[in-house]
Amino acid sequence: KGRFTISRDNAKSTVYLQMSSLKPKDTAVYYCAS
């Protein structure tokens, strides 16, 4: 919270995850799901 932002652009059929102030503990495989 306060570091990541999820958004969607339906016209482009795309979802985004903007990640800021990244920390080593954010290290992972990131998966998108619907």
PDB file of all heavy atoms in Angstrom:
ATOM      1  N   LYS A   1       0.828  -1.203   0.000  1.00  0.00           N
ATOM      2  CA  LYS A   1       0.000   0.000   0.000  1.00  0.00           C
ATOM      3  C   LYS A   1       0.862   1.252   0.000  1.00  0.00           C
ATOM      4  O   LYS A   1       1.821   1.365   0.748  1.00  0.00           O
ATOM      5  CB  LYS A   1      -0.924   0.006   1.215  1.00  0.00           C
ATOM      6  CG  LYS A   1      -2.140  -0.874   1.075  1.00  0.00           C
ATOM      7  CD  LYS A   1      -3.012  -0.807   2.317  1.00  0.00           C
ATOM      8  CE  LYS A   1      -4.236  -1.725   2.178  1.00  0.00           C
ATOM      9  NZ  LYS A   1      -5.059  -1.729   3.406  1.00  0.00           N
ATOM     10  N   GLY A   2       0.500   2.194  -0.874  1.00  0.00           N
ATOM     11  CA  GLY A   2       1.248   3.428  -0.976  1.00  0.00           C
ATOM     12  C   GLY A   2       2.460   3.336  -1.886  1.00  0.00           C
ATOM     13  O   GLY A   2       3.068   4.371  -2.200  1.00  0.00           O
ATOM     14  N   ARG A   3       2.809   2.122  -2.314  1.00  0.00           N
ATOM     15  CA  ARG A   3       3.968   1.966  -3.205  1.00  0.00           C
ATOM     16  C   ARG A   3       3.574   1.414  -4.569  1.00  0.00           C
ATOM     17  O   ARG A   3       4.214   1.735  -5.573  1.00  0.00           O
ATOM     18  CB  ARG A   3       4.985   1.011  -2.561  1.00  0.00           C
ATOM     19  CG  ARG A   3       5.526   1.484  -1.230  1.00  0.00           C
ATOM     20  CD  ARG A   3       6.683   0.598  -0.757  1.00  0.00           C
ATOM     21  NE  ARG A   3       6.295  -0.795  -0.546  1.00  0.00           N
ATOM     22  CZ  ARG A   3       6.858  -1.829  -1.156  1.00  0.00           C
ATOM     23  NH1 ARG A   3       7.827  -1.637  -2.037  1.00  0.00           N
ATOM     24  NH2 ARG A   3       6.451  -3.066  -0.887  1.00  0.00           N
ATOM     25  N   PHE A   4       2.547   0.592  -4.602  1.00  0.00           N
ATOM     26  CA  PHE A   4       2.108  -0.047  -5.847  1.00  0.00           C
ATOM     27  C   PHE A   4       0.748   0.503  -6.263  1.00  0.00           C
ATOM     28  O   PHE A   4      -0.085   0.828  -5.412  1.00  0.00           O
ATOM     29  CB  PHE A   4       1.994  -1.560  -5.680  1.00  0.00           C
ATOM     30  CG  PHE A   4       3.290  -2.304  -5.514  1.00  0.00           C
ATOM     31  CD1 PHE A   4       4.490  -1.655  -5.286  1.00  0.00           C
ATOM     32  CD2 PHE A   4       3.299  -3.687  -5.586  1.00  0.00           C
ATOM     33  CE1 PHE A   4       5.679  -2.349  -5.125  1.00  0.00           C
ATOM     34  CE2 PHE A   4       4.465  -4.406  -5.438  1.00  0.00           C
ATOM     35  CZ  PHE A   4       5.661  -3.732  -5.202  1.00  0.00           C
ATOM     36  N   THR A   5       0.527   0.559  -7.574  1.00  0.00           N
ATOM     37  CA  THR A   5      -0.764   0.987  -8.112  1.00  0.00           C
ATOM     38  C   THR A   5      -1.179   0.058  -9.246  1.00  0.00           C
ATOM     39  O   THR A   5      -0.415  -0.140 -10.201  1.00  0.00           O
ATOM     40  CB  THR A   5      -0.693   2.420  -8.645  1.00  0.00           C
ATOM     41  OG1 THR A   5      -0.281   3.308  -7.596  1.00  0.00           O
ATOM     42  CG2 THR A   5      -2.059   2.865  -9.155  1.00  0.00           C
ATOM     43  N   ILE A   6      -2.371  -0.494  -9.123  1.00  0.00           N
ATOM     44  CA  ILE A   6      -2.925  -1.324 -10.181  1.00  0.00           C
ATOM     45  C   ILE A   6      -3.886  -0.471 -11.001  1.00  0.00           C
ATOM     46  O   ILE A   6      -4.602   0.371 -10.465  1.00  0.00           O
ATOM     47  CB  ILE A   6      -3.639  -2.572  -9.617  1.00  0.00           C
ATOM     48  CG1 ILE A   6      -4.067  -3.510 -10.750  1.00  0.00           C
ATOM     49  CG2 ILE A   6      -4.823  -2.190  -8.736  1.00  0.00           C
ATOM     50  CD1 ILE A   6      -4.607  -4.864 -10.253  1.00  0.00           C
ATOM     51  N   SER A   7      -3.869  -0.683 -12.302  1.00  0.00           N
ATOM     52  CA  SER A   7      -4.782   0.050 -13.176  1.00  0.00           C
ATOM     53  C   SER A   7      -5.122  -0.827 -14.375  1.00  0.00           C
ATOM     54  O   SER A   7      -4.460  -1.840 -14.622  1.00  0.00           O
ATOM     55  CB  SER A   7      -4.168   1.374 -13.633  1.00  0.00           C
ATOM     56  OG  SER A   7      -2.983   1.150 -14.376  1.00  0.00           O
ATOM     57  N   ARG A   8      -6.146  -0.394 -15.095  1.00  0.00           N
ATOM     58  CA  ARG A   8      -6.543  -1.175 -16.261  1.00  0.00           C
ATOM     59  C   ARG A   8      -6.908  -0.252 -17.409  1.00  0.00           C
ATOM     60  O   ARG A   8      -7.430   0.850 -17.193  1.00  0.00           O
ATOM     61  CB  ARG A   8      -7.716  -2.090 -15.915  1.00  0.00           C
ATOM     62  CG  ARG A   8      -8.996  -1.383 -15.480  1.00  0.00           C
ATOM     63  CD  ARG A   8     -10.010  -2.377 -14.920  1.00  0.00           C
ATOM     64  NE  ARG A   8     -10.358  -3.386 -15.903  1.00  0.00           N
ATOM     65  CZ  ARG A   8     -10.843  -4.580 -15.588  1.00  0.00           C
ATOM     66  NH1 ARG A   8     -11.023  -4.925 -14.330  1.00  0.00           N
ATOM     67  NH2 ARG A   8     -11.146  -5.431 -16.551  1.00  0.00           N
ATOM     68  N   ASP A   9      -6.625  -0.700 -18.609  1.00  0.00           N
ATOM     69  CA  ASP A   9      -7.014  -0.002 -19.823  1.00  0.00           C
ATOM     70  C   ASP A   9      -7.788  -1.010 -20.665  1.00  0.00           C
ATOM     71  O   ASP A   9      -7.200  -1.817 -21.395  1.00  0.00           O
ATOM     72  CB  ASP A   9      -5.778   0.513 -20.566  1.00  0.00           C
ATOM     73  CG  ASP A   9      -6.147   1.373 -21.757  1.00  0.00           C
ATOM     74  OD1 ASP A   9      -7.264   1.235 -22.293  1.00  0.00           O
ATOM     75  OD2 ASP A   9      -5.308   2.188 -22.171  1.00  0.00           O
ATOM     76  N   ASN A  10      -9.100  -0.971 -20.530  1.00  0.00           N
ATOM     77  CA  ASN A  10      -9.928  -1.966 -21.204  1.00  0.00           C
ATOM     78  C   ASN A  10      -9.819  -1.871 -22.721  1.00  0.00           C
ATOM     79  O   ASN A  10      -9.895  -2.881 -23.425  1.00  0.00           O
ATOM     80  CB  ASN A  10     -11.382  -1.833 -20.767  1.00  0.00           C
ATOM     81  CG  ASN A  10     -11.583  -2.197 -19.312  1.00  0.00           C
ATOM     82  OD1 ASN A  10     -10.851  -3.017 -18.744  1.00  0.00           O
ATOM     83  ND2 ASN A  10     -12.581  -1.581 -18.691  1.00  0.00           N
ATOM     84  N   ALA A  11      -9.642  -0.675 -23.221  1.00  0.00           N
ATOM     85  CA  ALA A  11      -9.521  -0.497 -24.675  1.00  0.00           C
ATOM     86  C   ALA A  11      -8.284  -1.187 -25.229  1.00  0.00           C
ATOM     87  O   ALA A  11      -8.277  -1.648 -26.373  1.00  0.00           O
ATOM     88  CB  ALA A  11      -9.496   0.986 -25.021  1.00  0.00           C
ATOM     89  N   LYS A  12      -7.254  -1.270 -24.402  1.00  0.00           N
ATOM     90  CA  LYS A  12      -6.014  -1.940 -24.807  1.00  0.00           C
ATOM     91  C   LYS A  12      -5.930  -3.366 -24.285  1.00  0.00           C
ATOM     92  O   LYS A  12      -4.920  -4.036 -24.484  1.00  0.00           O
ATOM     93  CB  LYS A  12      -4.804  -1.141 -24.322  1.00  0.00           C
ATOM     94  CG  LYS A  12      -4.667   0.232 -24.958  1.00  0.00           C
ATOM     95  CD  LYS A  12      -3.396   0.931 -24.475  1.00  0.00           C
ATOM     96  CE  LYS A  12      -3.228   2.283 -25.158  1.00  0.00           C
ATOM     97  NZ  LYS A  12      -2.013   2.992 -24.698  1.00  0.00           N
ATOM     98  N   SER A  13      -6.953  -3.787 -23.573  1.00  0.00           N
ATOM     99  CA  SER A  13      -6.973  -5.132 -22.993  1.00  0.00           C
ATOM    100  C   SER A  13      -5.730  -5.387 -22.148  1.00  0.00           C
ATOM    101  O   SER A  13      -5.117  -6.466 -22.216  1.00  0.00           O
ATOM    102  CB  SER A  13      -7.094  -6.201 -24.099  1.00  0.00           C
ATOM    103  OG  SER A  13      -8.311  -6.079 -24.791  1.00  0.00           O
ATOM    104  N   THR A  14      -5.364  -4.408 -21.361  1.00  0.00           N
ATOM    105  CA  THR A  14      -4.125  -4.479 -20.592  1.00  0.00           C
ATOM    106  C   THR A  14      -4.344  -4.004 -19.162  1.00  0.00           C
ATOM    107  O   THR A  14      -5.075  -3.034 -18.930  1.00  0.00           O
ATOM    108  CB  THR A  14      -3.025  -3.636 -21.254  1.00  0.00           C
ATOM    109  OG1 THR A  14      -2.820  -4.102 -22.598  1.00  0.00           O
ATOM    110  CG2 THR A  14      -1.707  -3.757 -20.492  1.00  0.00           C
ATOM    111  N   VAL A  15      -3.696  -4.702 -18.244  1.00  0.00           N
ATOM    112  CA  VAL A  15      -3.690  -4.316 -16.844  1.00  0.00           C
ATOM    113  C   VAL A  15      -2.251  -4.009 -16.452  1.00  0.00           C
ATOM    114  O   VAL A  15      -1.320  -4.667 -16.934  1.00  0.00           O
ATOM    115  CB  VAL A  15      -4.264  -5.441 -15.960  1.00  0.00           C
ATOM    116  CG1 VAL A  15      -4.195  -5.067 -14.489  1.00  0.00           C
ATOM    117  CG2 VAL A  15      -5.698  -5.732 -16.359  1.00  0.00           C
ATOM    118  N   TYR A  16      -2.082  -3.031 -15.603  1.00  0.00           N
ATOM    119  CA  TYR A  16      -0.752  -2.588 -15.211  1.00  0.00           C
ATOM    120  C   TYR A  16      -0.570  -2.702 -13.697  1.00  0.00           C
ATOM    121  O   TYR A  16      -1.530  -2.628 -12.931  1.00  0.00           O
ATOM    122  CB  TYR A  16      -0.534  -1.142 -15.629  1.00  0.00           C
ATOM    123  CG  TYR A  16      -0.736  -0.880 -17.086  1.00  0.00           C
ATOM    124  CD1 TYR A  16      -1.944  -0.367 -17.561  1.00  0.00           C
ATOM    125  CD2 TYR A  16       0.275  -1.140 -18.007  1.00  0.00           C
ATOM    126  CE1 TYR A  16      -2.144  -0.129 -18.906  1.00  0.00           C
ATOM    127  CE2 TYR A  16       0.093  -0.902 -19.360  1.00  0.00           C
ATOM    128  CZ  TYR A  16      -1.116  -0.394 -19.801  1.00  0.00           C
ATOM    129  OH  TYR A  16      -1.302  -0.158 -21.143  1.00  0.00           O
ATOM    130  N   LEU A  17       0.700  -2.838 -13.315  1.00  0.00           N
ATOM    131  CA  LEU A  17       1.072  -2.735 -11.910  1.00  0.00           C
ATOM    132  C   LEU A  17       2.293  -1.830 -11.848  1.00  0.00           C
ATOM    133  O   LEU A  17       3.389  -2.231 -12.245  1.00  0.00           O
ATOM    134  CB  LEU A  17       1.380  -4.103 -11.301  1.00  0.00           C
ATOM    135  CG  LEU A  17       1.691  -4.069  -9.801  1.00  0.00           C
ATOM    136  CD1 LEU A  17       0.413  -3.708  -9.022  1.00  0.00           C
ATOM    137  CD2 LEU A  17       2.236  -5.408  -9.315  1.00  0.00           C
ATOM    138  N   GLN A  18       2.074  -0.610 -11.403  1.00  0.00           N
ATOM    139  CA  GLN A  18       3.167   0.339 -11.215  1.00  0.00           C
ATOM    140  C   GLN A  18       3.748   0.120  -9.826  1.00  0.00           C
ATOM    141  O   GLN A  18       3.038   0.229  -8.833  1.00  0.00           O
ATOM    142  CB  GLN A  18       2.660   1.774 -11.351  1.00  0.00           C
ATOM    143  CG  GLN A  18       3.728   2.816 -11.122  1.00  0.00           C
ATOM    144  CD  GLN A  18       4.788   2.815 -12.195  1.00  0.00           C
ATOM    145  OE1 GLN A  18       4.477   2.801 -13.387  1.00  0.00           O
ATOM    146  NE2 GLN A  18       6.056   2.813 -11.784  1.00  0.00           N
ATOM    147  N   MET A  19       5.024  -0.179  -9.785  1.00  0.00           N
ATOM    148  CA  MET A  19       5.691  -0.481  -8.517  1.00  0.00           C
ATOM    149  C   MET A  19       6.772   0.562  -8.260  1.00  0.00           C
ATOM    150  O   MET A  19       7.652   0.762  -9.104  1.00  0.00           O
ATOM    151  CB  MET A  19       6.306  -1.877  -8.562  1.00  0.00           C
ATOM    152  CG  MET A  19       5.309  -2.975  -8.932  1.00  0.00           C
ATOM    153  SD  MET A  19       6.006  -4.629  -8.840  1.00  0.00           S
ATOM    154  CE  MET A  19       7.226  -4.543 -10.141  1.00  0.00           C
ATOM    155  N   SER A  20       6.702   1.199  -7.120  1.00  0.00           N
ATOM    156  CA  SER A  20       7.673   2.226  -6.752  1.00  0.00           C
ATOM    157  C   SER A  20       8.252   1.905  -5.381  1.00  0.00           C
ATOM    158  O   SER A  20       7.716   1.084  -4.651  1.00  0.00           O
ATOM    159  CB  SER A  20       6.999   3.598  -6.737  1.00  0.00           C
ATOM    160  OG  SER A  20       6.417   3.902  -7.980  1.00  0.00           O
ATOM    161  N   SER A  21       9.357   2.584  -5.062  1.00  0.00           N
ATOM    162  CA  SER A  21      10.028   2.368  -3.772  1.00  0.00           C
ATOM    163  C   SER A  21      10.219   0.886  -3.507  1.00  0.00           C
ATOM    164  O   SER A  21       9.927   0.385  -2.414  1.00  0.00           O
ATOM    165  CB  SER A  21       9.215   3.010  -2.650  1.00  0.00           C
ATOM    166  OG  SER A  21       9.056   4.401  -2.873  1.00  0.00           O
ATOM    167  N   LEU A  22      10.717   0.198  -4.500  1.00  0.00           N
ATOM    168  CA  LEU A  22      10.856  -1.252  -4.393  1.00  0.00           C
ATOM    169  C   LEU A  22      11.856  -1.646  -3.318  1.00  0.00           C
ATOM    170  O   LEU A  22      12.863  -0.947  -3.094  1.00  0.00           O
ATOM    171  CB  LEU A  22      11.256  -1.840  -5.736  1.00  0.00           C
ATOM    172  CG  LEU A  22      10.102  -1.945  -6.740  1.00  0.00           C
ATOM    173  CD1 LEU A  22      10.611  -2.095  -8.157  1.00  0.00           C
ATOM    174  CD2 LEU A  22       9.195  -3.114  -6.376  1.00  0.00           C
ATOM    175  N   LYS A  23      11.570  -2.772  -2.690  1.00  0.00           N
ATOM    176  CA  LYS A  23      12.397  -3.292  -1.616  1.00  0.00           C
ATOM    177  C   LYS A  23      12.856  -4.711  -1.977  1.00  0.00           C
ATOM    178  O   LYS A  23      12.163  -5.402  -2.736  1.00  0.00           O
ATOM    179  CB  LYS A  23      11.592  -3.340  -0.314  1.00  0.00           C
ATOM    180  CG  LYS A  23      10.983  -2.009   0.081  1.00  0.00           C
ATOM    181  CD  LYS A  23      10.090  -2.161   1.309  1.00  0.00           C
ATOM    182  CE  LYS A  23       9.453  -0.827   1.687  1.00  0.00           C
ATOM    183  NZ  LYS A  23       8.594  -0.957   2.893  1.00  0.00           N
ATOM    184  N   PRO A  24      13.954  -5.152  -1.416  1.00  0.00           N
ATOM    185  CA  PRO A  24      14.393  -6.528  -1.702  1.00  0.00           C
ATOM    186  C   PRO A  24      13.313  -7.574  -1.418  1.00  0.00           C
ATOM    187  O   PRO A  24      13.238  -8.587  -2.111  1.00  0.00           O
ATOM    188  CB  PRO A  24      15.613  -6.681  -0.780  1.00  0.00           C
ATOM    189  CG  PRO A  24      16.180  -5.292  -0.692  1.00  0.00           C
ATOM    190  CD  PRO A  24      14.970  -4.397  -0.650  1.00  0.00           C
ATOM    191  N   LYS A  25      12.476  -7.331  -0.424  1.00  0.00           N
ATOM    192  CA  LYS A  25      11.430  -8.297  -0.103  1.00  0.00           C
ATOM    193  C   LYS A  25      10.332  -8.346  -1.152  1.00  0.00           C
ATOM    194  O   LYS A  25       9.444  -9.202  -1.085  1.00  0.00           O
ATOM    195  CB  LYS A  25      10.825  -8.004   1.261  1.00  0.00           C
ATOM    196  CG  LYS A  25      10.066  -6.689   1.360  1.00  0.00           C
ATOM    197  CD  LYS A  25       9.497  -6.494   2.760  1.00  0.00           C
ATOM    198  CE  LYS A  25       8.719  -5.209   2.893  1.00  0.00           C
ATOM    199  NZ  LYS A  25       8.146  -5.033   4.247  1.00  0.00           N
ATOM    200  N   ASP A  26      10.344  -7.434  -2.119  1.00  0.00           N
ATOM    201  CA  ASP A  26       9.404  -7.490  -3.235  1.00  0.00           C
ATOM    202  C   ASP A  26       9.862  -8.477  -4.310  1.00  0.00           C
ATOM    203  O   ASP A  26       9.133  -8.720  -5.274  1.00  0.00           O
ATOM    204  CB  ASP A  26       9.236  -6.108  -3.864  1.00  0.00           C
ATOM    205  CG  ASP A  26       8.582  -5.108  -2.928  1.00  0.00           C
ATOM    206  OD1 ASP A  26       7.615  -5.477  -2.233  1.00  0.00           O
ATOM    207  OD2 ASP A  26       9.043  -3.944  -2.898  1.00  0.00           O
ATOM    208  N   THR A  27      11.060  -9.006  -4.161  1.00  0.00           N
ATOM    209  CA  THR A  27      11.577  -9.963  -5.133  1.00  0.00           C
ATOM    210  C   THR A  27      10.691 -11.204  -5.193  1.00  0.00           C
ATOM    211  O   THR A  27      10.417 -11.830  -4.166  1.00  0.00           O
ATOM    212  CB  THR A  27      13.016 -10.370  -4.768  1.00  0.00           C
ATOM    213  OG1 THR A  27      13.860  -9.225  -4.879  1.00  0.00           O
ATOM    214  CG2 THR A  27      13.522 -11.472  -5.689  1.00  0.00           C
ATOM    215  N   ALA A  28      10.223 -11.524  -6.393  1.00  0.00           N
ATOM    216  CA  ALA A  28       9.300 -12.651  -6.575  1.00  0.00           C
ATOM    217  C   ALA A  28       8.985 -12.785  -8.057  1.00  0.00           C
ATOM    218  O   ALA A  28       9.329 -11.919  -8.865  1.00  0.00           O
ATOM    219  CB  ALA A  28       8.008 -12.423  -5.792  1.00  0.00           C
ATOM    220  N   VAL A  29       8.308 -13.884  -8.377  1.00  0.00           N
ATOM    221  CA  VAL A  29       7.685 -13.993  -9.692  1.00  0.00           C
ATOM    222  C   VAL A  29       6.285 -13.394  -9.566  1.00  0.00           C
ATOM    223  O   VAL A  29       5.533 -13.770  -8.662  1.00  0.00           O
ATOM    224  CB  VAL A  29       7.607 -15.450 -10.170  1.00  0.00           C
ATOM    225  CG1 VAL A  29       6.888 -15.523 -11.520  1.00  0.00           C
ATOM    226  CG2 VAL A  29       9.002 -16.052 -10.279  1.00  0.00           C
ATOM    227  N   TYR A  30       5.972 -12.486 -10.453  1.00  0.00           N
ATOM    228  CA  TYR A  30       4.682 -11.800 -10.420  1.00  0.00           C
ATOM    229  C   TYR A  30       3.772 -12.371 -11.499  1.00  0.00           C
ATOM    230  O   TYR A  30       4.179 -12.488 -12.663  1.00  0.00           O
ATOM    231  CB  TYR A  30       4.871 -10.300 -10.618  1.00  0.00           C
ATOM    232  CG  TYR A  30       5.396  -9.615  -9.381  1.00  0.00           C
ATOM    233  CD1 TYR A  30       6.699  -9.821  -8.945  1.00  0.00           C
ATOM    234  CD2 TYR A  30       4.577  -8.771  -8.635  1.00  0.00           C
ATOM    235  CE1 TYR A  30       7.177  -9.215  -7.793  1.00  0.00           C
ATOM    236  CE2 TYR A  30       5.041  -8.150  -7.490  1.00  0.00           C
ATOM    237  CZ  TYR A  30       6.340  -8.379  -7.070  1.00  0.00           C
ATOM    238  OH  TYR A  30       6.801  -7.767  -5.932  1.00  0.00           O
ATOM    239  N   TYR A  31       2.553 -12.692 -11.084  1.00  0.00           N
ATOM    240  CA  TYR A  31       1.585 -13.306 -11.983  1.00  0.00           C
ATOM    241  C   TYR A  31       0.359 -12.404 -12.135  1.00  0.00           C
ATOM    242  O   TYR A  31      -0.141 -11.850 -11.158  1.00  0.00           O
ATOM    243  CB  TYR A  31       1.118 -14.652 -11.446  1.00  0.00           C
ATOM    244  CG  TYR A  31       2.204 -15.683 -11.312  1.00  0.00           C
ATOM    245  CD1 TYR A  31       2.914 -15.825 -10.129  1.00  0.00           C
ATOM    246  CD2 TYR A  31       2.510 -16.530 -12.377  1.00  0.00           C
ATOM    247  CE1 TYR A  31       3.919 -16.778 -10.004  1.00  0.00           C
ATOM    248  CE2 TYR A  31       3.507 -17.486 -12.261  1.00  0.00           C
ATOM    249  CZ  TYR A  31       4.205 -17.602 -11.072  1.00  0.00           C
ATOM    250  OH  TYR A  31       5.197 -18.548 -10.967  1.00  0.00           O
ATOM    251  N   CYS A  32      -0.124 -12.339 -13.349  1.00  0.00           N
ATOM    252  CA  CYS A  32      -1.384 -11.677 -13.643  1.00  0.00           C
ATOM    253  C   CYS A  32      -2.468 -12.748 -13.695  1.00  0.00           C
ATOM    254  O   CYS A  32      -2.221 -13.878 -14.162  1.00  0.00           O
ATOM    255  CB  CYS A  32      -1.264 -10.975 -14.994  1.00  0.00           C
ATOM    256  SG  CYS A  32      -2.761 -10.217 -15.610  1.00  0.00           S
ATOM    257  N   ALA A  33      -3.666 -12.395 -13.243  1.00  0.00           N
ATOM    258  CA  ALA A  33      -4.761 -13.356 -13.249  1.00  0.00           C
ATOM    259  C   ALA A  33      -6.074 -12.655 -13.535  1.00  0.00           C
ATOM    260  O   ALA A  33      -6.237 -11.471 -13.214  1.00  0.00           O
ATOM    261  CB  ALA A  33      -4.843 -14.079 -11.905  1.00  0.00           C
ATOM    262  N   SER A  34      -7.004 -13.395 -14.127  1.00  0.00           N
ATOM    263  CA  SER A  34      -8.337 -12.851 -14.382  1.00  0.00           C
ATOM    264  C   SER A  34      -9.397 -13.829 -13.899  1.00  0.00           C
ATOM    265  O   SER A  34      -9.179 -15.039 -13.845  1.00  0.00           O
ATOM    266  CB  SER A  34      -8.541 -12.555 -15.864  1.00  0.00           C
ATOM    267  OG  SER A  34      -8.678 -13.751 -16.606  1.00  0.00           O
TER     268      SER A  34
END
